[in-house]
Amino acid sequence: MKFWQKLVAFSCFPIGAWAQLPAGTPPPSAPVVVNSALNAQIFYEILLAELYVRGGENSTGYSIMLDAARRSGDAGLFERAVGVALASRSGDAALQAVRTWKREQPQAMEPDRYLLQILVALNRIEEAGAALTDWLRRMPLADQSAAIASVPRLFERVSDKQLALRTVRSALDKALQHPQTKTVALTTLGRMQRDSGLISEAVSTVVQTHRQDPQALGPLILTMSLLQHASAELKPLLDTAMQGNAPPVELRMSYARMLISLGARQEAQTQLQLIGQKFAAYAPAWLVSGLLHADNRQYEQAQTALKHYLALTADKQDTEALSGRSEALMAMAQMAQREGQLAQADSWLQQIPAQADPVKVASQRAALLMKQGRAREAQQLLEQISPQSDQESIDKALTLSRWWRERKTPQQAYNVMKTALQERPGQAELMSEMAIVCDELQRYEEMEGLLRQLMQLQPEDPQAYNMLGYSLADRGLRLPEALVLIEKAVQLAPKDPFIQDSLGWVKFRMGDLPQAQQILHGAYAQRPDAEIAAHLGEVLWVMGDKERAARIWREGLLLNPDNATLRQTLTRLGYTP
């Protein structure tokens, strides 16, 4: 198409459409026309600039567009010139366009926002700080809170995090003094301190922010992100904020999930119950509550919650609801299976949506087949899973490995994990499972090597520290080092009952029986579990309280009669229940 044809195409009007209406139809009323302030010459330059850009000559198109913007004073043309420069990855040209825009329209606010973003992208942080100060100074007070809240995201890609923090702190000096913006300014600094790795400073900032406004949502969200680092100091602030009806349901739900991740399951269940009472139609709370009850073997409460969730989501077809229904139905099947109701378990499995995770569904079906004595079919079912994503391939390997370990054939599990790690070296989930397999095969050097790598890959994950510390303690080796490792895990997850179990066990191995008994008693009270029962019972047995030890062991057998640690403990100590 020639240039004049393109101009005609831009100006065509569909007059034929009105001509085809039935006779007697009155012509449509003329629409209100708002004439452009652009003259013919400027309009021509815009078209020419766009044609150059479309033809790949961005530099020429940019120059013509910026000249048209300067001569017309049109903000949209300045913005388009900036966009052309950014699209061609020319930061200096974009900066020139924005500064020209500011000079030509000194009262406009939009150039300030662009200037700040471009300076940050060019890593000119000190200049960006001055631009941020000027932007906030000229901005109406009512708009400042939203702008300040967006600052951490703007600076998140800056490599020198602490320089960015110092720059923003200086730019927010006035906002920190004004009562209307102080809370959001403190929260912004807290977020940047956290992202800079200055955790203790972030904690201090968030405590100060809570004193300023205990119910503000920004500080509460920041507090949750810091909770694992300073739960003793921050958790009371969240507990206070969660009292009453003030917090939105989503925030209370986030707090419940955070409590679960910290091992505070009972407190999480309390929050979920409050959601159920105040927001009965909020489905996610019923799902998490039901799964939590199921994991604690509180089957009646679990079934009530999960059935309520299934009723609430019966007509929903969105991805989140379908995924949640799959989780709920698999949990219902698992509970029915454990209670020997195999037909009912199969019925629940039949209701799982077709979009469900094939690995999870196959795993549950394999467990049901095992209960029916059809081990070979179960194995074939797991081996024939066809993963549709990289994560499903990882999950398949993990599922097969765990299945072989449960069958007391860890060498088969080792073979599965070895192949998986050859395909995905350095994958954390696979390395963690391989470490467990190596422990069962008594390949302790290989296990320790894997766990040391995991500590480097995921220094904030407590499990590698706990696993190595417990293994050393259980074998009676390097006990001081085992204690240091487990205490590190406790620091990262202070409420986790299984990590507390490890701490109690290493104390026992080191001869501190009273403290071991106290720690293990607390862990067992928080999470009744067969393995914790084995350890607590042994401590009581050695302390001479054999009657209590026997009672704890009997409870453990009811919880899981097949637990290897408990069975080995009873055999070694010569106790017959």
Protein backbone atom coordinates (compact mmCIF):
# COMPACT_ATOMS: atom_id res chain seq x y z
CA MET A 1 0.00 0.00 0.00
CA LYS A 2 1.39 3.37 -1.00
CA PHE A 3 1.65 6.26 1.43
CA TRP A 4 -1.35 8.17 0.00
CA GLN A 5 -3.42 4.94 0.22
CA LYS A 6 -2.59 4.66 3.93
CA LEU A 7 -3.75 8.23 4.50
CA VAL A 8 -7.03 7.47 2.74
CA ALA A 9 -7.47 4.31 4.79
CA PHE A 10 -7.14 6.30 8.01
CA SER A 11 -9.90 8.71 6.91
CA CYS A 12 -12.50 6.29 5.49
CA PHE A 13 -16.06 6.65 6.85
CA PRO A 14 -18.64 3.81 6.47
CA ILE A 15 -21.35 5.93 4.76
CA GLY A 16 -22.62 2.89 2.86
CA ALA A 17 -23.90 1.37 6.07
CA TRP A 18 -26.54 4.10 6.46
CA ALA A 19 -27.48 3.90 2.79
CA GLN A 20 -28.47 0.24 3.21
CA LEU A 21 -31.09 0.95 5.92
CA PRO A 22 -34.83 0.61 4.99
CA ALA A 23 -36.43 3.55 3.21
CA GLY A 24 -37.76 6.19 5.56
CA THR A 25 -35.20 5.51 8.25
CA PRO A 26 -34.02 8.88 9.56
CA PRO A 27 -30.29 9.45 9.41
CA PRO A 28 -28.49 8.87 12.67
CA SER A 29 -27.86 11.89 14.82
CA ALA A 30 -24.39 13.22 14.34
CA PRO A 31 -21.99 12.23 17.12
CA VAL A 32 -20.34 14.93 19.16
CA VAL A 33 -17.05 15.72 17.48
CA VAL A 34 -14.10 16.84 19.55
CA ASN A 35 -11.59 18.28 17.12
CA SER A 36 -7.94 17.60 17.73
CA ALA A 37 -5.71 20.55 18.47
CA LEU A 38 -3.17 19.09 16.04
CA ASN A 39 -2.81 20.84 12.71
CA ALA A 40 -2.25 19.13 9.36
CA GLN A 41 1.52 19.43 9.53
CA ILE A 42 1.70 17.84 13.00
CA PHE A 43 -0.72 15.11 11.97
CA TYR A 44 1.45 14.36 8.96
CA GLU A 45 4.57 14.14 11.17
CA ILE A 46 2.85 11.70 13.55
CA LEU A 47 1.91 9.41 10.67
CA LEU A 48 5.40 9.65 9.24
CA ALA A 49 6.99 8.89 12.61
CA GLU A 50 4.78 5.83 13.13
CA LEU A 51 5.58 4.55 9.65
CA TYR A 52 9.31 4.85 10.37
CA VAL A 53 8.87 2.99 13.65
CA ARG A 54 6.89 0.24 11.98
CA GLY A 55 9.60 -0.02 9.36
CA GLY A 56 12.24 -0.60 12.04
CA GLU A 57 13.80 2.87 11.87
CA ASN A 58 13.08 3.70 15.49
CA SER A 59 15.68 6.43 15.82
CA THR A 60 14.23 8.47 12.95
CA GLY A 61 10.67 7.84 14.14
CA TYR A 62 11.63 8.91 17.66
CA SER A 63 13.19 12.17 16.47
CA ILE A 64 10.18 13.12 14.36
CA MET A 65 7.73 12.19 17.17
CA LEU A 66 9.65 14.20 19.78
CA ASP A 67 9.80 17.22 17.46
CA ALA A 68 6.03 16.96 16.90
CA ALA A 69 5.48 16.74 20.66
CA ARG A 70 7.68 19.77 21.32
CA ARG A 71 5.95 21.92 18.69
CA SER A 72 2.41 20.83 19.63
CA GLY A 73 2.84 20.61 23.41
CA ASP A 74 0.71 17.43 23.38
CA ALA A 75 1.37 15.16 26.41
CA GLY A 76 0.32 12.04 24.50
CA LEU A 77 2.99 12.66 21.88
CA PHE A 78 5.68 13.12 24.53
CA GLU A 79 4.59 9.85 26.10
CA ARG A 80 4.70 8.14 22.70
CA ALA A 81 8.23 9.45 22.08
CA VAL A 82 9.33 8.03 25.43
CA GLY A 83 7.69 4.71 24.53
CA VAL A 84 9.50 4.53 21.18
CA ALA A 85 12.85 5.18 22.89
CA LEU A 86 12.20 2.54 25.55
CA ALA A 87 11.07 -0.01 22.97
CA SER A 88 14.36 0.49 21.12
CA ARG A 89 16.26 0.09 24.43
CA SER A 90 17.67 3.59 24.27
CA GLY A 91 17.60 4.81 27.85
CA ASP A 92 19.42 8.05 27.08
CA ALA A 93 16.92 8.94 24.35
CA ALA A 94 14.02 8.19 26.70
CA LEU A 95 15.65 10.39 29.33
CA GLN A 96 16.03 13.22 26.81
CA ALA A 97 12.34 12.94 25.85
CA VAL A 98 11.17 13.00 29.46
CA ARG A 99 13.33 16.00 30.35
CA THR A 100 12.05 17.84 27.28
CA TRP A 101 8.51 16.97 28.38
CA LYS A 102 9.17 18.35 31.88
CA ARG A 103 10.64 21.54 30.47
CA GLU A 104 7.73 22.10 28.09
CA GLN A 105 5.05 21.16 30.67
CA PRO A 106 6.49 22.03 34.09
CA GLN A 107 3.15 21.56 35.88
CA ALA A 108 2.54 18.01 34.59
CA MET A 109 3.09 15.11 37.03
CA GLU A 110 3.37 12.27 34.52
CA PRO A 111 6.91 13.19 33.32
CA ASP A 112 8.15 12.90 36.93
CA ARG A 113 6.99 9.28 37.14
CA TYR A 114 8.69 8.41 33.86
CA LEU A 115 11.86 10.22 34.89
CA LEU A 116 12.08 8.23 38.13
CA GLN A 117 11.53 4.89 36.39
CA ILE A 118 14.12 5.60 33.68
CA LEU A 119 16.79 6.77 36.14
CA VAL A 120 16.34 3.61 38.20
CA ALA A 121 16.52 1.46 35.06
CA LEU A 122 19.76 3.23 34.11
CA ASN A 123 21.09 2.53 37.64
CA ARG A 124 21.54 6.25 38.30
CA ILE A 125 20.34 5.81 41.85
CA GLU A 126 21.38 9.13 43.40
CA GLU A 127 19.64 11.01 40.58
CA ALA A 128 16.62 8.75 41.03
CA GLY A 129 16.52 9.75 44.71
CA ALA A 130 16.45 13.43 43.77
CA ALA A 131 13.69 12.72 41.22
CA LEU A 132 11.67 10.82 43.85
CA THR A 133 12.03 13.73 46.31
CA ASP A 134 10.85 16.21 43.68
CA TRP A 135 7.97 13.96 42.57
CA LEU A 136 6.63 13.59 46.10
CA ARG A 137 7.14 17.29 46.84
CA ARG A 138 4.92 18.29 43.92
CA MET A 139 2.32 15.58 44.46
CA PRO A 140 -0.97 16.25 46.28
CA LEU A 141 -0.91 14.79 49.80
CA ALA A 142 -3.90 12.54 49.04
CA ASP A 143 -1.92 10.78 46.28
CA GLN A 144 1.34 10.34 48.16
CA SER A 145 0.53 7.14 50.10
CA ALA A 146 -0.10 5.10 46.96
CA ALA A 147 3.05 6.47 45.32
CA ILE A 148 5.22 5.72 48.38
CA ALA A 149 3.84 2.17 48.60
CA SER A 150 4.97 1.55 44.99
CA VAL A 151 8.60 2.55 45.67
CA PRO A 152 9.98 -0.89 46.77
CA ARG A 153 8.76 -2.51 43.56
CA LEU A 154 10.35 0.31 41.55
CA PHE A 155 13.76 -0.23 43.18
CA GLU A 156 13.59 -4.04 43.48
CA ARG A 157 15.96 -4.71 40.54
CA VAL A 158 18.69 -2.38 41.78
CA SER A 159 21.78 -4.49 42.48
CA ASP A 160 23.06 -2.35 45.37
CA LYS A 161 20.11 -2.81 47.73
CA GLN A 162 21.61 -0.81 50.57
CA LEU A 163 22.35 2.17 48.32
CA ALA A 164 18.74 2.04 47.15
CA LEU A 165 17.60 1.92 50.79
CA ARG A 166 19.70 4.94 51.79
CA THR A 167 18.49 6.87 48.77
CA VAL A 168 14.82 6.15 49.45
CA ARG A 169 15.15 6.87 53.16
CA SER A 170 16.51 10.33 52.32
CA ALA A 171 13.75 10.94 49.75
CA LEU A 172 11.06 9.97 52.28
CA ASP A 173 12.33 12.31 54.99
CA LYS A 174 9.31 14.62 54.85
CA ALA A 175 6.84 11.74 54.45
CA LEU A 176 8.24 10.20 57.65
CA GLN A 177 7.38 13.40 59.52
CA HIS A 178 3.80 13.77 58.29
CA PRO A 179 1.11 11.81 60.22
CA GLN A 180 -0.82 11.00 57.04
CA THR A 181 2.14 9.36 55.29
CA LYS A 182 4.34 8.19 58.18
CA THR A 183 2.89 4.67 58.35
CA VAL A 184 3.24 3.93 54.64
CA ALA A 185 6.73 5.48 54.56
CA LEU A 186 7.89 3.30 57.47
CA THR A 187 6.38 0.23 55.81
CA THR A 188 8.21 1.03 52.58
CA LEU A 189 11.52 1.31 54.43
CA GLY A 190 10.77 -1.95 56.27
CA ARG A 191 10.15 -3.76 52.99
CA MET A 192 13.40 -2.47 51.53
CA GLN A 193 15.33 -3.36 54.71
CA ARG A 194 13.94 -6.89 54.47
CA ASP A 195 14.86 -7.15 50.80
CA SER A 196 18.38 -5.89 51.61
CA GLY A 197 18.85 -8.67 54.17
CA LEU A 198 18.72 -6.24 57.09
CA ILE A 199 16.23 -8.38 59.00
CA SER A 200 16.77 -6.98 62.50
CA GLU A 201 16.36 -3.41 61.16
CA ALA A 202 13.20 -4.44 59.31
CA VAL A 203 11.80 -5.99 62.49
CA SER A 204 12.51 -2.80 64.45
CA THR A 205 10.86 -0.72 61.74
CA VAL A 206 7.75 -2.85 61.62
CA VAL A 207 7.40 -2.72 65.42
CA GLN A 208 7.60 1.09 65.21
CA THR A 209 5.01 1.05 62.42
CA HIS A 210 2.60 -1.01 64.52
CA ARG A 211 2.84 1.55 67.30
CA GLN A 212 1.95 4.20 64.74
CA ASP A 213 -1.10 2.32 63.37
CA PRO A 214 -1.83 -1.20 64.77
CA GLN A 215 -4.55 -1.99 62.20
CA ALA A 216 -2.88 -0.73 58.99
CA LEU A 217 -2.77 -3.53 56.40
CA GLY A 218 0.64 -2.76 54.92
CA PRO A 219 2.55 -3.24 58.19
CA LEU A 220 0.56 -6.41 58.96
CA ILE A 221 1.52 -7.96 55.62
CA LEU A 222 5.15 -6.98 56.17
CA THR A 223 5.03 -8.48 59.66
CA MET A 224 3.86 -11.82 58.27
CA SER A 225 6.79 -11.91 55.87
CA LEU A 226 9.18 -11.40 58.80
CA LEU A 227 7.45 -13.72 61.26
CA GLN A 228 9.77 -16.68 60.73
CA HIS A 229 12.76 -14.50 61.63
CA ALA A 230 11.40 -13.00 64.85
CA SER A 231 8.24 -14.85 65.87
CA ALA A 232 8.61 -14.12 69.58
CA GLU A 233 8.67 -10.37 68.94
CA LEU A 234 6.23 -10.12 66.05
CA LYS A 235 3.61 -12.78 66.72
CA PRO A 236 1.99 -10.85 69.62
CA LEU A 237 1.50 -7.90 67.27
CA LEU A 238 -0.34 -10.09 64.78
CA ASP A 239 -2.37 -11.80 67.50
CA THR A 240 -3.54 -8.39 68.72
CA ALA A 241 -4.36 -7.23 65.19
CA MET A 242 -6.38 -10.39 64.51
CA GLN A 243 -8.71 -9.79 67.44
CA GLY A 244 -12.18 -8.59 66.54
CA ASN A 245 -13.62 -8.14 63.08
CA ALA A 246 -11.13 -5.64 61.68
CA PRO A 247 -8.81 -7.77 59.51
CA PRO A 248 -10.03 -8.74 56.03
CA VAL A 249 -10.68 -12.44 55.63
CA GLU A 250 -7.80 -12.83 53.16
CA LEU A 251 -5.35 -11.40 55.70
CA ARG A 252 -6.59 -13.72 58.44
CA MET A 253 -6.29 -16.64 56.00
CA SER A 254 -2.70 -15.65 55.20
CA TYR A 255 -1.94 -15.57 58.91
CA ALA A 256 -3.37 -19.06 59.35
CA ARG A 257 -1.16 -20.36 56.53
CA MET A 258 1.86 -18.66 58.06
CA LEU A 259 1.14 -20.28 61.42
CA ILE A 260 0.97 -23.68 59.74
CA SER A 261 4.35 -23.09 58.10
CA LEU A 262 5.77 -22.26 61.53
CA GLY A 263 4.34 -25.44 63.03
CA ALA A 264 1.73 -23.61 65.16
CA ARG A 265 -1.09 -25.81 63.93
CA GLN A 266 -3.51 -25.37 66.81
CA GLU A 267 -3.29 -21.60 66.59
CA ALA A 268 -3.80 -21.84 62.84
CA GLN A 269 -6.88 -23.96 63.41
CA THR A 270 -8.21 -21.29 65.78
CA GLN A 271 -7.87 -18.66 63.05
CA LEU A 272 -9.58 -20.95 60.53
CA GLN A 273 -12.46 -21.55 62.93
CA LEU A 274 -12.89 -17.78 63.35
CA ILE A 275 -13.08 -17.43 59.58
CA GLY A 276 -15.68 -20.19 59.45
CA GLN A 277 -17.77 -18.41 62.08
CA LYS A 278 -17.57 -14.94 60.55
CA PHE A 279 -17.28 -15.81 56.83
CA ALA A 280 -19.06 -19.14 56.45
CA ALA A 281 -19.02 -18.95 52.64
CA TYR A 282 -15.24 -18.43 52.40
CA ALA A 283 -14.31 -21.80 50.93
CA PRO A 284 -10.46 -21.80 51.26
CA ALA A 285 -10.66 -21.78 55.06
CA TRP A 286 -12.81 -24.93 55.11
CA LEU A 287 -10.35 -26.71 52.80
CA VAL A 288 -7.25 -25.87 54.84
CA SER A 289 -9.05 -26.63 58.11
CA GLY A 290 -10.18 -30.01 56.81
CA LEU A 291 -6.72 -30.94 55.54
CA LEU A 292 -5.19 -29.87 58.84
CA HIS A 293 -7.65 -32.01 60.83
CA ALA A 294 -6.98 -34.94 58.49
CA ASP A 295 -3.24 -34.60 58.96
CA ASN A 296 -3.81 -34.68 62.72
CA ARG A 297 -5.99 -37.80 62.31
CA GLN A 298 -9.06 -35.92 63.55
CA TYR A 299 -11.17 -37.57 60.91
CA GLU A 300 -14.64 -36.56 62.03
CA GLN A 301 -13.79 -32.83 62.07
CA ALA A 302 -11.86 -33.24 58.81
CA GLN A 303 -14.78 -34.87 57.02
CA THR A 304 -17.21 -32.18 58.23
CA ALA A 305 -14.97 -29.35 57.00
CA LEU A 306 -14.13 -30.98 53.67
CA LYS A 307 -17.74 -31.87 52.90
CA HIS A 308 -18.67 -28.24 53.57
CA TYR A 309 -15.91 -27.13 51.20
CA LEU A 310 -17.10 -29.52 48.49
CA ALA A 311 -20.63 -28.16 48.84
CA LEU A 312 -19.42 -24.55 48.58
CA THR A 313 -17.42 -25.26 45.42
CA ALA A 314 -19.82 -27.70 43.73
CA ASP A 315 -20.66 -25.35 40.86
CA LYS A 316 -17.28 -23.66 40.45
CA GLN A 317 -15.07 -24.41 37.47
CA ASP A 318 -12.14 -22.06 38.02
CA THR A 319 -8.64 -23.50 38.39
CA GLU A 320 -8.35 -22.78 42.10
CA ALA A 321 -11.67 -24.46 42.91
CA LEU A 322 -10.91 -27.54 40.78
CA SER A 323 -7.49 -27.91 42.41
CA GLY A 324 -9.03 -27.53 45.86
CA ARG A 325 -11.75 -30.08 45.11
CA SER A 326 -9.07 -32.55 44.02
CA GLU A 327 -7.21 -32.05 47.31
CA ALA A 328 -10.41 -32.44 49.33
CA LEU A 329 -11.55 -35.57 47.49
CA MET A 330 -8.14 -37.20 47.79
CA ALA A 331 -8.11 -36.46 51.53
CA MET A 332 -11.61 -37.95 51.88
CA ALA A 333 -10.47 -41.06 49.98
CA GLN A 334 -7.39 -41.39 52.15
CA MET A 335 -9.42 -41.18 55.36
CA ALA A 336 -11.93 -43.73 54.09
CA GLN A 337 -9.06 -46.02 53.12
CA ARG A 338 -7.47 -45.75 56.57
CA GLU A 339 -10.77 -46.66 58.15
CA GLY A 340 -11.05 -49.73 55.92
CA GLN A 341 -13.90 -48.28 53.81
CA LEU A 342 -12.31 -49.20 50.48
CA ALA A 343 -15.45 -48.91 48.38
CA GLN A 344 -16.11 -45.44 49.77
CA ALA A 345 -12.49 -44.48 49.12
CA ASP A 346 -12.86 -45.55 45.50
CA SER A 347 -16.08 -43.56 45.24
CA TRP A 348 -14.32 -40.37 46.38
CA LEU A 349 -11.52 -40.96 43.90
CA GLN A 350 -14.00 -41.36 41.05
CA GLN A 351 -15.24 -37.80 41.71
CA ILE A 352 -11.83 -36.15 41.29
CA PRO A 353 -11.90 -33.66 38.36
CA ALA A 354 -10.17 -34.72 35.17
CA GLN A 355 -7.85 -31.71 35.44
CA ALA A 356 -6.37 -32.99 38.72
CA ASP A 357 -2.66 -33.58 39.20
CA PRO A 358 -2.09 -37.03 37.65
CA VAL A 359 0.73 -37.86 40.07
CA LYS A 360 -1.36 -37.21 43.18
CA VAL A 361 -4.34 -39.11 41.82
CA ALA A 362 -2.20 -42.08 40.78
CA SER A 363 -0.49 -42.10 44.17
CA GLN A 364 -3.83 -42.25 45.97
CA ARG A 365 -5.13 -44.96 43.66
CA ALA A 366 -1.92 -46.95 44.19
CA ALA A 367 -2.38 -46.72 47.96
CA LEU A 368 -5.91 -48.09 47.57
CA LEU A 369 -4.65 -50.95 45.41
CA MET A 370 -2.06 -51.79 48.04
CA LYS A 371 -4.80 -52.02 50.66
CA GLN A 372 -6.52 -54.50 48.38
CA GLY A 373 -3.33 -56.58 48.09
CA ARG A 374 -2.72 -55.61 44.45
CA ALA A 375 0.89 -54.44 44.81
CA ARG A 376 1.96 -55.20 41.24
CA GLU A 377 -0.93 -53.16 39.81
CA ALA A 378 -0.06 -50.31 42.15
CA GLN A 379 3.55 -50.29 40.96
CA GLN A 380 2.50 -50.35 37.30
CA LEU A 381 0.06 -47.50 37.91
CA LEU A 382 2.82 -45.30 39.34
CA GLU A 383 5.36 -46.22 36.67
CA GLN A 384 2.88 -45.47 33.87
CA ILE A 385 2.18 -41.90 34.99
CA SER A 386 2.65 -39.54 32.02
CA PRO A 387 3.88 -36.21 33.42
CA GLN A 388 2.68 -33.10 31.61
CA SER A 389 5.22 -30.70 33.10
CA ASP A 390 8.68 -30.59 34.62
CA GLN A 391 7.19 -30.38 38.12
CA GLU A 392 5.03 -33.43 37.48
CA SER A 393 8.15 -35.33 36.40
CA ILE A 394 9.81 -34.39 39.69
CA ASP A 395 6.68 -35.39 41.61
CA LYS A 396 6.56 -38.74 39.83
CA ALA A 397 10.16 -39.53 40.85
CA LEU A 398 9.46 -38.49 44.45
CA THR A 399 6.30 -40.59 44.58
CA LEU A 400 8.03 -43.68 43.20
CA SER A 401 10.92 -43.29 45.62
CA ARG A 402 8.60 -42.98 48.62
CA TRP A 403 6.57 -45.94 47.39
CA TRP A 404 9.69 -48.13 47.26
CA ARG A 405 10.80 -46.92 50.70
CA GLU A 406 7.42 -47.81 52.15
CA ARG A 407 7.86 -51.29 50.64
CA LYS A 408 11.21 -51.56 52.54
CA THR A 409 13.22 -51.61 49.32
CA PRO A 410 15.36 -48.45 49.55
CA GLN A 411 17.78 -49.63 46.86
CA GLN A 412 14.98 -49.38 44.30
CA ALA A 413 14.25 -45.89 45.61
CA TYR A 414 17.95 -45.03 45.26
CA ASN A 415 17.91 -46.11 41.61
CA VAL A 416 14.86 -43.93 40.91
CA MET A 417 16.42 -40.88 42.57
CA LYS A 418 19.79 -41.38 40.92
CA THR A 419 18.16 -41.28 37.48
CA ALA A 420 16.04 -38.26 38.43
CA LEU A 421 19.07 -36.31 39.69
CA GLN A 422 21.04 -37.14 36.57
CA GLU A 423 18.23 -35.52 34.58
CA ARG A 424 17.85 -32.56 36.97
CA PRO A 425 21.09 -32.04 38.92
CA GLY A 426 20.81 -29.66 41.85
CA GLN A 427 17.00 -29.92 42.13
CA ALA A 428 16.32 -29.34 45.84
CA GLU A 429 13.31 -31.63 46.31
CA LEU A 430 15.09 -34.52 44.64
CA MET A 431 18.25 -33.95 46.68
CA SER A 432 16.27 -33.94 49.91
CA GLU A 433 14.55 -37.23 49.05
CA MET A 434 17.87 -38.76 47.97
CA ALA A 435 19.36 -37.80 51.35
CA ILE A 436 16.56 -39.71 53.11
CA VAL A 437 17.15 -42.73 50.88
CA CYS A 438 20.91 -42.62 51.56
CA ASP A 439 20.21 -42.50 55.29
CA GLU A 440 18.09 -45.64 55.03
CA LEU A 441 20.85 -47.36 53.03
CA GLN A 442 23.46 -46.18 55.56
CA ARG A 443 25.28 -44.26 52.83
CA TYR A 444 26.03 -41.57 55.38
CA GLU A 445 28.82 -39.71 53.57
CA GLU A 446 26.67 -39.32 50.47
CA MET A 447 23.72 -38.21 52.61
CA GLU A 448 25.81 -35.57 54.39
CA GLY A 449 27.17 -34.25 51.10
CA LEU A 450 23.65 -33.78 49.76
CA LEU A 451 22.47 -32.03 52.92
CA ARG A 452 25.47 -29.70 52.96
CA GLN A 453 24.64 -28.72 49.36
CA LEU A 454 21.02 -28.08 50.35
CA MET A 455 22.15 -25.79 53.17
CA GLN A 456 24.04 -23.76 50.57
CA LEU A 457 21.13 -23.75 48.12
CA GLN A 458 18.42 -23.02 50.69
CA PRO A 459 20.00 -21.46 53.79
CA GLU A 460 16.59 -20.45 55.19
CA ASP A 461 15.10 -23.96 54.93
CA PRO A 462 15.34 -25.73 58.32
CA GLN A 463 14.92 -29.28 57.03
CA ALA A 464 18.48 -29.96 55.87
CA TYR A 465 19.92 -28.75 59.19
CA ASN A 466 17.41 -30.85 61.10
CA MET A 467 17.93 -33.97 58.99
CA LEU A 468 21.72 -33.97 59.36
CA GLY A 469 21.61 -33.03 63.04
CA TYR A 470 19.12 -35.78 63.82
CA SER A 471 21.09 -38.38 61.85
CA LEU A 472 24.27 -37.54 63.77
CA ALA A 473 22.43 -37.61 67.11
CA ASP A 474 20.68 -40.87 66.34
CA ARG A 475 24.04 -42.49 65.56
CA GLY A 476 25.67 -40.90 68.61
CA LEU A 477 28.24 -39.05 66.48
CA ARG A 478 29.61 -35.48 66.74
CA LEU A 479 26.92 -34.58 69.23
CA PRO A 480 28.01 -30.94 69.79
CA GLU A 481 27.86 -30.38 66.03
CA ALA A 482 24.48 -32.15 65.87
CA LEU A 483 23.17 -29.78 68.56
CA VAL A 484 24.36 -26.71 66.62
CA LEU A 485 22.64 -27.95 63.44
CA ILE A 486 19.36 -28.69 65.20
CA GLU A 487 19.41 -25.38 67.06
CA LYS A 488 19.79 -23.67 63.69
CA ALA A 489 16.71 -25.55 62.48
CA VAL A 490 14.84 -24.51 65.65
CA GLN A 491 15.79 -20.90 64.99
CA LEU A 492 14.30 -21.13 61.48
CA ALA A 493 11.15 -23.04 62.54
CA PRO A 494 10.70 -22.69 66.32
CA LYS A 495 7.22 -24.27 66.44
CA ASP A 496 7.88 -27.33 64.28
CA PRO A 497 7.19 -30.35 66.54
CA PHE A 498 9.45 -32.67 64.54
CA ILE A 499 12.39 -30.30 64.87
CA GLN A 500 11.62 -30.06 68.59
CA ASP A 501 11.68 -33.87 68.61
CA SER A 502 15.19 -33.76 67.14
CA LEU A 503 16.26 -31.22 69.76
CA GLY A 504 14.91 -33.43 72.55
CA TRP A 505 16.63 -36.47 71.07
CA VAL A 506 20.06 -34.84 70.86
CA LYS A 507 19.66 -33.62 74.44
CA PHE A 508 18.92 -37.22 75.44
CA ARG A 509 21.98 -38.47 73.58
CA MET A 510 24.07 -35.85 75.39
CA GLY A 511 22.77 -37.05 78.76
CA ASP A 512 20.50 -34.11 79.61
CA LEU A 513 17.48 -36.26 80.52
CA PRO A 514 15.29 -33.65 82.29
CA GLN A 515 15.53 -31.17 79.40
CA ALA A 516 15.08 -33.94 76.83
CA GLN A 517 11.92 -35.09 78.61
CA GLN A 518 10.54 -31.54 78.77
CA ILE A 519 11.20 -30.80 75.09
CA LEU A 520 9.82 -34.13 73.86
CA HIS A 521 6.75 -33.83 76.05
CA GLY A 522 6.00 -30.43 74.47
CA ALA A 523 6.54 -31.79 70.96
CA TYR A 524 4.25 -34.77 71.59
CA ALA A 525 1.55 -32.56 73.11
CA GLN A 526 1.69 -30.34 70.04
CA ARG A 527 1.75 -33.20 67.54
CA PRO A 528 0.93 -36.74 68.71
CA ASP A 529 3.10 -38.87 66.43
CA ALA A 530 4.45 -42.41 66.65
CA GLU A 531 8.10 -41.41 66.20
CA ILE A 532 7.92 -38.69 68.85
CA ALA A 533 6.19 -41.23 71.09
CA ALA A 534 9.12 -43.62 70.58
CA HIS A 535 11.63 -40.99 71.71
CA LEU A 536 9.59 -39.63 74.62
CA GLY A 537 8.87 -43.16 75.82
CA GLU A 538 12.56 -44.10 75.75
CA VAL A 539 13.54 -41.02 77.76
CA LEU A 540 10.87 -41.85 80.36
CA TRP A 541 11.99 -45.49 80.39
CA VAL A 542 15.63 -44.56 81.04
CA MET A 543 14.52 -42.10 83.75
CA GLY A 544 12.74 -44.98 85.49
CA ASP A 545 9.15 -43.96 84.72
CA LYS A 546 8.34 -47.18 82.87
CA GLU A 547 4.59 -46.97 83.40
CA ARG A 548 4.33 -43.61 81.62
CA ALA A 549 6.73 -44.82 78.94
CA ALA A 550 4.52 -47.85 78.25
CA ARG A 551 1.42 -45.66 78.04
CA ILE A 552 3.08 -43.31 75.54
CA TRP A 553 4.26 -46.24 73.45
CA ARG A 554 0.79 -47.78 73.37
CA GLU A 555 -0.59 -44.43 72.18
CA GLY A 556 2.09 -44.36 69.50
CA LEU A 557 1.11 -47.82 68.27
CA LEU A 558 -2.49 -46.67 67.96
CA LEU A 559 -1.33 -43.71 65.91
CA ASN A 560 0.85 -45.79 63.59
CA PRO A 561 1.41 -49.46 64.35
CA ASP A 562 3.92 -49.79 61.49
CA ASN A 563 6.28 -46.98 62.49
CA ALA A 564 9.81 -48.42 62.19
CA THR A 565 11.41 -46.21 64.86
CA LEU A 566 8.78 -47.16 67.43
CA ARG A 567 8.96 -50.87 66.61
CA GLN A 568 12.77 -50.86 66.80
CA THR A 569 12.67 -49.03 70.13
CA LEU A 570 10.29 -51.54 71.68
CA THR A 571 12.40 -54.49 70.44
CA ARG A 572 15.67 -52.95 71.65
CA LEU A 573 14.28 -52.21 75.12
CA GLY A 574 12.51 -55.54 75.37
CA TYR A 575 9.03 -54.13 75.85
CA THR A 576 6.01 -56.10 74.65
CA PRO A 577 2.76 -54.10 74.55
